[in-house]
Amino acid sequence: MQPFKIIEVENNTDKAIGTVILPDNSLVMSIQFGTSVYEIVDGKKVILPQIALCGQLTQKKEYVREAGSKTVLIKFQPWAAGWFLNDLHALTDKNINCVDFLKNAEQFSFDINQKINVEALLSKFFNQKVIDKSILQSFSIINETNGQIKVDDLAYKVNNSKRNFERKFKDATGLTPKEFMQNTRFKHSVNQLKSSDDLSGITYDCGYYDQSHFIHHFKEVTGVSPENYSKHIEPIENWSQATKLYK
């Protein structure tokens, strides 16, 4: 299984473009080219470092990409980033200068103007690593159940004690199993909203206690109600004007 994919994001328009990123259990390394990219924090623009890490998200992130900005995004599988990054949990919902968190940073020196060098370097590194089978199996179970499984049951299914499983999972992903499954349920609800406005059905299908709980959690993550998702979030969450796949 490929541990990462590379996406190139480029603003070819003559104006700034706003984008929204929603939680999807992926950690992302970004390498900035051209003009600046800003994160919106408390209504203010904060410039991103040239090489930044965005940790696992539990709520939305808003960005503004200036005209002429170019970014290479390295989007890691949930189980992959822990192989070379320190203290993943401290990255949750944050953008951090990449150098501060790299293990053995000297192994990751590269020319940011050579995208293929980034891919080759990371591929060489990951080829030396072995995936913890119990953690990998847990991801499959979480995806199959759309995050609707108790942590105790999940640990049992992958032949781990709950305590040991939670420790390994958090080390590997930066999130606790409970946080990871909440993200999975949320993502499933977003997919449902794209084709249905039946909030009662979505609440049941995504395993929320009741509709009130679903709406509360959705607003906590996105800042808007499920009813307003398609109007305020979906048009810019897809990066329709700014994204093309690099690999």
C-alpha atoms as a PDB file:
ATOM      1  CA  MET A   1       0.000   0.000   0.000  1.00  0.00           C
ATOM      2  CA  GLN A   2       1.420   3.365  -1.018  1.00  0.00           C
ATOM      3  CA  PRO A   3       2.164   5.314   2.221  1.00  0.00           C
ATOM      4  CA  PHE A   4       1.598   8.723   0.656  1.00  0.00           C
ATOM      5  CA  LYS A   5       0.368  10.552  -2.398  1.00  0.00           C
ATOM      6  CA  ILE A   6       1.546  13.845  -3.822  1.00  0.00           C
ATOM      7  CA  ILE A   7      -0.887  16.552  -4.889  1.00  0.00           C
ATOM      8  CA  GLU A   8       0.047  19.788  -6.585  1.00  0.00           C
ATOM      9  CA  VAL A   9      -2.141  22.776  -5.738  1.00  0.00           C
ATOM     10  CA  GLU A  10      -1.757  25.814  -7.964  1.00  0.00           C
ATOM     11  CA  ASN A  11      -3.683  29.071  -8.123  1.00  0.00           C
ATOM     12  CA  ASN A  12      -3.615  30.011 -11.802  1.00  0.00           C
ATOM     13  CA  THR A  13      -6.224  32.743 -11.415  1.00  0.00           C
ATOM     14  CA  ASP A  14      -5.607  36.458 -10.958  1.00  0.00           C
ATOM     15  CA  LYS A  15      -7.171  36.572  -7.493  1.00  0.00           C
ATOM     16  CA  ALA A  16      -6.772  34.931  -4.105  1.00  0.00           C
ATOM     17  CA  ILE A  17      -8.657  31.663  -3.596  1.00  0.00           C
ATOM     18  CA  GLY A  18     -10.106  30.512  -0.299  1.00  0.00           C
ATOM     19  CA  THR A  19     -10.086  26.799   0.502  1.00  0.00           C
ATOM     20  CA  VAL A  20     -11.454  24.726   3.369  1.00  0.00           C
ATOM     21  CA  ILE A  21      -9.970  21.435   4.539  1.00  0.00           C
ATOM     22  CA  LEU A  22     -12.117  19.029   6.551  1.00  0.00           C
ATOM     23  CA  PRO A  23     -10.878  16.202   8.815  1.00  0.00           C
ATOM     24  CA  ASP A  24     -10.069  13.017   6.896  1.00  0.00           C
ATOM     25  CA  ASN A  25      -7.473  11.306   9.148  1.00  0.00           C
ATOM     26  CA  SER A  26      -4.516  12.353   7.005  1.00  0.00           C
ATOM     27  CA  LEU A  27      -1.407  14.241   8.030  1.00  0.00           C
ATOM     28  CA  VAL A  28      -0.063  16.554   5.330  1.00  0.00           C
ATOM     29  CA  MET A  29       3.345  18.040   4.582  1.00  0.00           C
ATOM     30  CA  SER A  30       3.199  21.156   2.413  1.00  0.00           C
ATOM     31  CA  ILE A  31       6.018  22.721   0.397  1.00  0.00           C
ATOM     32  CA  GLN A  32       5.302  26.266  -0.754  1.00  0.00           C
ATOM     33  CA  PHE A  33       6.431  27.827  -4.042  1.00  0.00           C
ATOM     34  CA  GLY A  34       5.679  31.181  -5.624  1.00  0.00           C
ATOM     35  CA  THR A  35       3.451  33.564  -3.697  1.00  0.00           C
ATOM     36  CA  SER A  36       2.211  33.034  -0.157  1.00  0.00           C
ATOM     37  CA  VAL A  37      -0.409  30.742   1.325  1.00  0.00           C
ATOM     38  CA  TYR A  38      -2.116  31.810   4.539  1.00  0.00           C
ATOM     39  CA  GLU A  39      -4.063  30.008   7.222  1.00  0.00           C
ATOM     40  CA  ILE A  40      -7.022  31.944   8.619  1.00  0.00           C
ATOM     41  CA  VAL A  41      -6.722  31.960  12.423  1.00  0.00           C
ATOM     42  CA  ASP A  42      -9.300  33.917  14.442  1.00  0.00           C
ATOM     43  CA  GLY A  43     -10.110  35.944  11.346  1.00  0.00           C
ATOM     44  CA  LYS A  44      -6.474  36.880  10.685  1.00  0.00           C
ATOM     45  CA  LYS A  45      -4.114  35.662   7.940  1.00  0.00           C
ATOM     46  CA  VAL A  46      -1.071  33.734   9.197  1.00  0.00           C
ATOM     47  CA  ILE A  47       1.545  32.907   6.577  1.00  0.00           C
ATOM     48  CA  LEU A  48       2.492  29.228   6.322  1.00  0.00           C
ATOM     49  CA  PRO A  49       6.139  28.166   6.648  1.00  0.00           C
ATOM     50  CA  GLN A  50       7.843  27.189   3.390  1.00  0.00           C
ATOM     51  CA  ILE A  51       7.815  23.562   4.534  1.00  0.00           C
ATOM     52  CA  ALA A  52       4.972  22.920   6.967  1.00  0.00           C
ATOM     53  CA  LEU A  53       3.209  20.021   8.612  1.00  0.00           C
ATOM     54  CA  CYS A  54      -0.520  20.064   9.148  1.00  0.00           C
ATOM     55  CA  GLY A  55      -1.386  17.498  11.786  1.00  0.00           C
ATOM     56  CA  GLN A  56      -4.475  15.379  12.042  1.00  0.00           C
ATOM     57  CA  LEU A  57      -7.567  17.563  12.022  1.00  0.00           C
ATOM     58  CA  THR A  58     -10.562  17.385  14.323  1.00  0.00           C
ATOM     59  CA  GLN A  59     -12.051  20.597  12.890  1.00  0.00           C
ATOM     60  CA  LYS A  60     -11.915  22.482   9.619  1.00  0.00           C
ATOM     61  CA  LYS A  61      -8.948  24.557   8.418  1.00  0.00           C
ATOM     62  CA  GLU A  62      -9.356  27.638   6.244  1.00  0.00           C
ATOM     63  CA  TYR A  63      -6.673  28.892   3.863  1.00  0.00           C
ATOM     64  CA  VAL A  64      -6.169  31.684   1.375  1.00  0.00           C
ATOM     65  CA  ARG A  65      -3.931  30.990  -1.622  1.00  0.00           C
ATOM     66  CA  GLU A  66      -2.621  34.096  -3.341  1.00  0.00           C
ATOM     67  CA  ALA A  67      -2.623  34.382  -7.127  1.00  0.00           C
ATOM     68  CA  GLY A  68       0.489  32.639  -8.398  1.00  0.00           C
ATOM     69  CA  SER A  69       0.897  30.364  -5.373  1.00  0.00           C
ATOM     70  CA  LYS A  70       2.034  26.788  -5.891  1.00  0.00           C
ATOM     71  CA  THR A  71       2.086  24.083  -3.243  1.00  0.00           C
ATOM     72  CA  VAL A  72       3.187  20.466  -3.260  1.00  0.00           C
ATOM     73  CA  LEU A  73       1.136  18.531  -0.705  1.00  0.00           C
ATOM     74  CA  ILE A  74       2.391  15.177   0.539  1.00  0.00           C
ATOM     75  CA  LYS A  75      -0.644  13.476   2.010  1.00  0.00           C
ATOM     76  CA  PHE A  76       0.286  10.556   4.256  1.00  0.00           C
ATOM     77  CA  GLN A  77      -1.718   7.474   5.051  1.00  0.00           C
ATOM     78  CA  PRO A  78      -2.812   7.558   8.717  1.00  0.00           C
ATOM     79  CA  TRP A  79      -0.339   4.843   9.652  1.00  0.00           C
ATOM     80  CA  ALA A  80       2.690   6.307   7.842  1.00  0.00           C
ATOM     81  CA  ALA A  81       3.629   9.648   9.395  1.00  0.00           C
ATOM     82  CA  GLY A  82       4.568   8.177  12.777  1.00  0.00           C
ATOM     83  CA  TRP A  83       7.553   6.490  11.163  1.00  0.00           C
ATOM     84  CA  PHE A  84       9.475   9.715  10.836  1.00  0.00           C
ATOM     85  CA  LEU A  85       7.720  12.413  12.871  1.00  0.00           C
ATOM     86  CA  ASN A  86       8.044  13.122  16.587  1.00  0.00           C
ATOM     87  CA  ASP A  87       5.113  13.660  18.957  1.00  0.00           C
ATOM     88  CA  LEU A  88       2.322  13.479  16.393  1.00  0.00           C
ATOM     89  CA  HIS A  89      -0.409  14.242  18.914  1.00  0.00           C
ATOM     90  CA  ALA A  90       1.088  17.705  19.515  1.00  0.00           C
ATOM     91  CA  LEU A  91       0.391  18.449  15.840  1.00  0.00           C
ATOM     92  CA  THR A  92      -3.368  17.948  16.104  1.00  0.00           C
ATOM     93  CA  ASP A  93      -5.189  20.858  14.427  1.00  0.00           C
ATOM     94  CA  LYS A  94      -1.914  22.764  13.964  1.00  0.00           C
ATOM     95  CA  ASN A  95       0.419  23.876  11.196  1.00  0.00           C
ATOM     96  CA  ILE A  96       4.034  23.578  12.338  1.00  0.00           C
ATOM     97  CA  ASN A  97       7.400  24.271  10.737  1.00  0.00           C
ATOM     98  CA  CYS A  98       8.395  20.859   9.417  1.00  0.00           C
ATOM     99  CA  VAL A  99      11.989  20.901  10.695  1.00  0.00           C
ATOM    100  CA  ASP A 100      10.814  21.029  14.318  1.00  0.00           C
ATOM    101  CA  PHE A 101       9.201  17.591  14.115  1.00  0.00           C
ATOM    102  CA  LEU A 102      11.364  15.540  11.764  1.00  0.00           C
ATOM    103  CA  LYS A 103      13.215  12.557  13.178  1.00  0.00           C
ATOM    104  CA  ASN A 104      16.784  12.490  11.811  1.00  0.00           C
ATOM    105  CA  ALA A 105      16.103  15.629   9.794  1.00  0.00           C
ATOM    106  CA  GLU A 106      19.395  15.312   7.922  1.00  0.00           C
ATOM    107  CA  GLN A 107      17.940  12.322   6.063  1.00  0.00           C
ATOM    108  CA  PHE A 108      15.248  14.551   4.587  1.00  0.00           C
ATOM    109  CA  SER A 109      17.247  17.364   3.059  1.00  0.00           C
ATOM    110  CA  PHE A 110      16.030  18.038  -0.475  1.00  0.00           C
ATOM    111  CA  ASP A 111      15.762  20.749  -3.082  1.00  0.00           C
ATOM    112  CA  ILE A 112      12.176  22.019  -2.814  1.00  0.00           C
ATOM    113  CA  ASN A 113      12.326  22.979  -6.491  1.00  0.00           C
ATOM    114  CA  GLN A 114      12.647  19.306  -7.455  1.00  0.00           C
ATOM    115  CA  LYS A 115       9.320  17.614  -6.688  1.00  0.00           C
ATOM    116  CA  ILE A 116      10.519  14.252  -7.972  1.00  0.00           C
ATOM    117  CA  ASN A 117      13.355  14.340  -5.432  1.00  0.00           C
ATOM    118  CA  VAL A 118      10.779  14.581  -2.642  1.00  0.00           C
ATOM    119  CA  GLU A 119       8.956  11.525  -3.941  1.00  0.00           C
ATOM    120  CA  ALA A 120      12.145   9.503  -4.431  1.00  0.00           C
ATOM    121  CA  LEU A 121      13.472  10.423  -0.997  1.00  0.00           C
ATOM    122  CA  LEU A 122      10.296   9.512   0.825  1.00  0.00           C
ATOM    123  CA  SER A 123       9.813   6.295  -1.152  1.00  0.00           C
ATOM    124  CA  LYS A 124      13.344   5.170  -0.276  1.00  0.00           C
ATOM    125  CA  PHE A 125      12.711   5.873   3.387  1.00  0.00           C
ATOM    126  CA  PHE A 126       9.338   4.118   3.536  1.00  0.00           C
ATOM    127  CA  ASN A 127      10.652   1.047   1.752  1.00  0.00           C
ATOM    128  CA  GLN A 128      12.739   0.368   4.857  1.00  0.00           C
ATOM    129  CA  LYS A 129       9.740   0.349   7.209  1.00  0.00           C
ATOM    130  CA  VAL A 130       7.372  -2.363   8.396  1.00  0.00           C
ATOM    131  CA  ILE A 131       3.730  -1.692   9.208  1.00  0.00           C
ATOM    132  CA  ASP A 132       2.368  -2.905  12.542  1.00  0.00           C
ATOM    133  CA  LYS A 133      -0.183  -5.426  11.315  1.00  0.00           C
ATOM    134  CA  SER A 134      -2.582  -4.884  14.206  1.00  0.00           C
ATOM    135  CA  ILE A 135      -2.727  -1.142  13.535  1.00  0.00           C
ATOM    136  CA  LEU A 136      -3.157  -1.682   9.805  1.00  0.00           C
ATOM    137  CA  GLN A 137      -5.932  -4.192  10.492  1.00  0.00           C
ATOM    138  CA  SER A 138      -7.644  -1.721  12.803  1.00  0.00           C
ATOM    139  CA  PHE A 139      -7.844   0.839   9.979  1.00  0.00           C
ATOM    140  CA  SER A 140      -9.630  -1.690   7.790  1.00  0.00           C
ATOM    141  CA  ILE A 141     -12.147  -2.436  10.546  1.00  0.00           C
ATOM    142  CA  ILE A 142     -12.747   1.251  11.231  1.00  0.00           C
ATOM    143  CA  ASN A 143     -13.338   1.933   7.534  1.00  0.00           C
ATOM    144  CA  GLU A 144     -15.624  -1.082   7.149  1.00  0.00           C
ATOM    145  CA  THR A 145     -17.749   0.022  10.111  1.00  0.00           C
ATOM    146  CA  ASN A 146     -17.550   3.750   9.265  1.00  0.00           C
ATOM    147  CA  GLY A 147     -16.097   4.309  12.725  1.00  0.00           C
ATOM    148  CA  GLN A 148     -18.993   2.606  14.493  1.00  0.00           C
ATOM    149  CA  ILE A 149     -17.175   0.231  16.818  1.00  0.00           C
ATOM    150  CA  LYS A 150     -16.160   0.469  20.471  1.00  0.00           C
ATOM    151  CA  VAL A 151     -12.459   0.841  21.245  1.00  0.00           C
ATOM    152  CA  ASP A 152     -12.585  -2.238  23.487  1.00  0.00           C
ATOM    153  CA  ASP A 153     -14.059  -4.340  20.685  1.00  0.00           C
ATOM    154  CA  LEU A 154     -11.576  -2.994  18.160  1.00  0.00           C
ATOM    155  CA  ALA A 155      -8.609  -3.788  20.407  1.00  0.00           C
ATOM    156  CA  TYR A 156      -9.971  -7.307  20.932  1.00  0.00           C
ATOM    157  CA  LYS A 157     -10.402  -7.877  17.194  1.00  0.00           C
ATOM    158  CA  VAL A 158      -6.731  -7.016  16.545  1.00  0.00           C
ATOM    159  CA  ASN A 159      -5.517  -9.123  19.493  1.00  0.00           C
ATOM    160  CA  ASN A 160      -4.326  -6.219  21.647  1.00  0.00           C
ATOM    161  CA  SER A 161      -5.150  -5.097  25.153  1.00  0.00           C
ATOM    162  CA  LYS A 162      -7.094  -1.842  25.125  1.00  0.00           C
ATOM    163  CA  ARG A 163      -4.282   0.076  26.812  1.00  0.00           C
ATOM    164  CA  ASN A 164      -1.569  -1.249  24.507  1.00  0.00           C
ATOM    165  CA  PHE A 165      -3.710  -0.701  21.425  1.00  0.00           C
ATOM    166  CA  GLU A 166      -4.540   2.898  22.357  1.00  0.00           C
ATOM    167  CA  ARG A 167      -0.851   3.675  22.927  1.00  0.00           C
ATOM    168  CA  LYS A 168       0.270   2.165  19.618  1.00  0.00           C
ATOM    169  CA  PHE A 169      -2.583   3.771  17.710  1.00  0.00           C
ATOM    170  CA  LYS A 170      -1.869   7.242  19.074  1.00  0.00           C
ATOM    171  CA  ASP A 171       1.868   6.865  18.358  1.00  0.00           C
ATOM    172  CA  ALA A 172       1.120   5.814  14.791  1.00  0.00           C
ATOM    173  CA  THR A 173      -1.540   8.379  13.910  1.00  0.00           C
ATOM    174  CA  GLY A 174      -1.378  11.254  16.390  1.00  0.00           C
ATOM    175  CA  LEU A 175      -5.012  10.648  17.350  1.00  0.00           C
ATOM    176  CA  THR A 176      -6.620   8.395  19.913  1.00  0.00           C
ATOM    177  CA  PRO A 177      -8.777   5.611  18.437  1.00  0.00           C
ATOM    178  CA  LYS A 178     -11.873   7.478  19.647  1.00  0.00           C
ATOM    179  CA  GLU A 179     -10.829  10.711  17.890  1.00  0.00           C
ATOM    180  CA  PHE A 180      -9.947   8.790  14.723  1.00  0.00           C
ATOM    181  CA  MET A 181     -13.335   7.061  14.678  1.00  0.00           C
ATOM    182  CA  GLN A 182     -15.155  10.350  15.284  1.00  0.00           C
ATOM    183  CA  ASN A 183     -13.370  11.726  12.196  1.00  0.00           C
ATOM    184  CA  THR A 184     -14.381   8.638  10.224  1.00  0.00           C
ATOM    185  CA  ARG A 185     -18.028   9.009  11.203  1.00  0.00           C
ATOM    186  CA  PHE A 186     -17.908  12.712  10.378  1.00  0.00           C
ATOM    187  CA  LYS A 187     -16.414  12.053   6.945  1.00  0.00           C
ATOM    188  CA  HIS A 188     -19.121   9.463   6.280  1.00  0.00           C
ATOM    189  CA  SER A 189     -21.773  12.022   7.234  1.00  0.00           C
ATOM    190  CA  VAL A 190     -20.276  14.557   4.797  1.00  0.00           C
ATOM    191  CA  ASN A 191     -20.432  11.979   2.010  1.00  0.00           C
ATOM    192  CA  GLN A 192     -24.057  11.295   2.892  1.00  0.00           C
ATOM    193  CA  LEU A 193     -24.930  15.004   2.852  1.00  0.00           C
ATOM    194  CA  LYS A 194     -23.691  15.297  -0.721  1.00  0.00           C
ATOM    195  CA  SER A 195     -26.556  13.118  -1.882  1.00  0.00           C
ATOM    196  CA  SER A 196     -29.217  13.427   0.818  1.00  0.00           C
ATOM    197  CA  ASP A 197     -30.830  16.014   3.108  1.00  0.00           C
ATOM    198  CA  ASP A 198     -32.438  13.394   5.347  1.00  0.00           C
ATOM    199  CA  LEU A 199     -30.764  14.318   8.639  1.00  0.00           C
ATOM    200  CA  SER A 200     -32.602  11.623  10.588  1.00  0.00           C
ATOM    201  CA  GLY A 201     -31.389   8.950   8.172  1.00  0.00           C
ATOM    202  CA  ILE A 202     -27.830  10.288   8.202  1.00  0.00           C
ATOM    203  CA  THR A 203     -27.866  10.441  12.010  1.00  0.00           C
ATOM    204  CA  TYR A 204     -28.853   6.779  12.192  1.00  0.00           C
ATOM    205  CA  ASP A 205     -26.539   5.631   9.398  1.00  0.00           C
ATOM    206  CA  CYS A 206     -23.514   7.373  10.921  1.00  0.00           C
ATOM    207  CA  GLY A 207     -24.117   6.052  14.431  1.00  0.00           C
ATOM    208  CA  TYR A 208     -24.836   9.283  16.290  1.00  0.00           C
ATOM    209  CA  TYR A 209     -26.965   9.111  19.453  1.00  0.00           C
ATOM    210  CA  ASP A 210     -29.617  11.400  18.022  1.00  0.00           C
ATOM    211  CA  GLN A 211     -30.054  14.195  15.497  1.00  0.00           C
ATOM    212  CA  SER A 212     -29.188  16.869  18.052  1.00  0.00           C
ATOM    213  CA  HIS A 213     -25.859  15.157  18.777  1.00  0.00           C
ATOM    214  CA  PHE A 214     -25.093  14.871  15.069  1.00  0.00           C
ATOM    215  CA  ILE A 215     -25.849  18.543  14.403  1.00  0.00           C
ATOM    216  CA  HIS A 216     -23.795  19.643  17.422  1.00  0.00           C
ATOM    217  CA  HIS A 217     -20.755  17.603  16.342  1.00  0.00           C
ATOM    218  CA  PHE A 218     -21.050  18.751  12.733  1.00  0.00           C
ATOM    219  CA  LYS A 219     -21.155  22.423  13.764  1.00  0.00           C
ATOM    220  CA  GLU A 220     -18.246  21.858  16.152  1.00  0.00           C
ATOM    221  CA  VAL A 221     -16.108  20.572  13.259  1.00  0.00           C
ATOM    222  CA  THR A 222     -17.213  22.851  10.424  1.00  0.00           C
ATOM    223  CA  GLY A 223     -18.708  25.937  12.042  1.00  0.00           C
ATOM    224  CA  VAL A 224     -21.970  25.466  10.122  1.00  0.00           C
ATOM    225  CA  SER A 225     -25.012  23.233  10.487  1.00  0.00           C
ATOM    226  CA  PRO A 226     -25.443  20.189   8.220  1.00  0.00           C
ATOM    227  CA  GLU A 227     -28.241  22.028   6.402  1.00  0.00           C
ATOM    228  CA  ASN A 228     -25.808  24.800   5.446  1.00  0.00           C
ATOM    229  CA  TYR A 229     -22.904  22.558   4.431  1.00  0.00           C
ATOM    230  CA  SER A 230     -23.638  22.595   0.703  1.00  0.00           C
ATOM    231  CA  LYS A 231     -24.036  26.383   0.692  1.00  0.00           C
ATOM    232  CA  HIS A 232     -21.045  27.469   2.782  1.00  0.00           C
ATOM    233  CA  ILE A 233     -18.468  24.650   2.805  1.00  0.00           C
ATOM    234  CA  GLU A 234     -18.831  22.274  -0.142  1.00  0.00           C
ATOM    235  CA  PRO A 235     -18.099  24.785  -2.951  1.00  0.00           C
ATOM    236  CA  ILE A 236     -14.639  25.614  -1.572  1.00  0.00           C
ATOM    237  CA  GLU A 237     -13.860  22.339   0.208  1.00  0.00           C
ATOM    238  CA  ASN A 238     -13.360  20.712  -3.213  1.00  0.00           C
ATOM    239  CA  TRP A 239     -10.635  23.193  -4.330  1.00  0.00           C
ATOM    240  CA  SER A 240     -12.294  23.200  -7.756  1.00  0.00           C
ATOM    241  CA  GLN A 241     -10.239  26.128  -9.016  1.00  0.00           C
ATOM    242  CA  ALA A 242      -6.924  25.226  -7.477  1.00  0.00           C
ATOM    243  CA  THR A 243      -6.104  21.519  -7.485  1.00  0.00           C
ATOM    244  CA  LYS A 244      -4.571  18.999  -9.831  1.00  0.00           C
ATOM    245  CA  LEU A 245      -3.250  15.562  -9.059  1.00  0.00           C
ATOM    246  CA  TYR A 246       0.511  15.164  -9.310  1.00  0.00           C
ATOM    247  CA  LYS A 247       0.762  11.495  -8.317  1.00  0.00           C
END
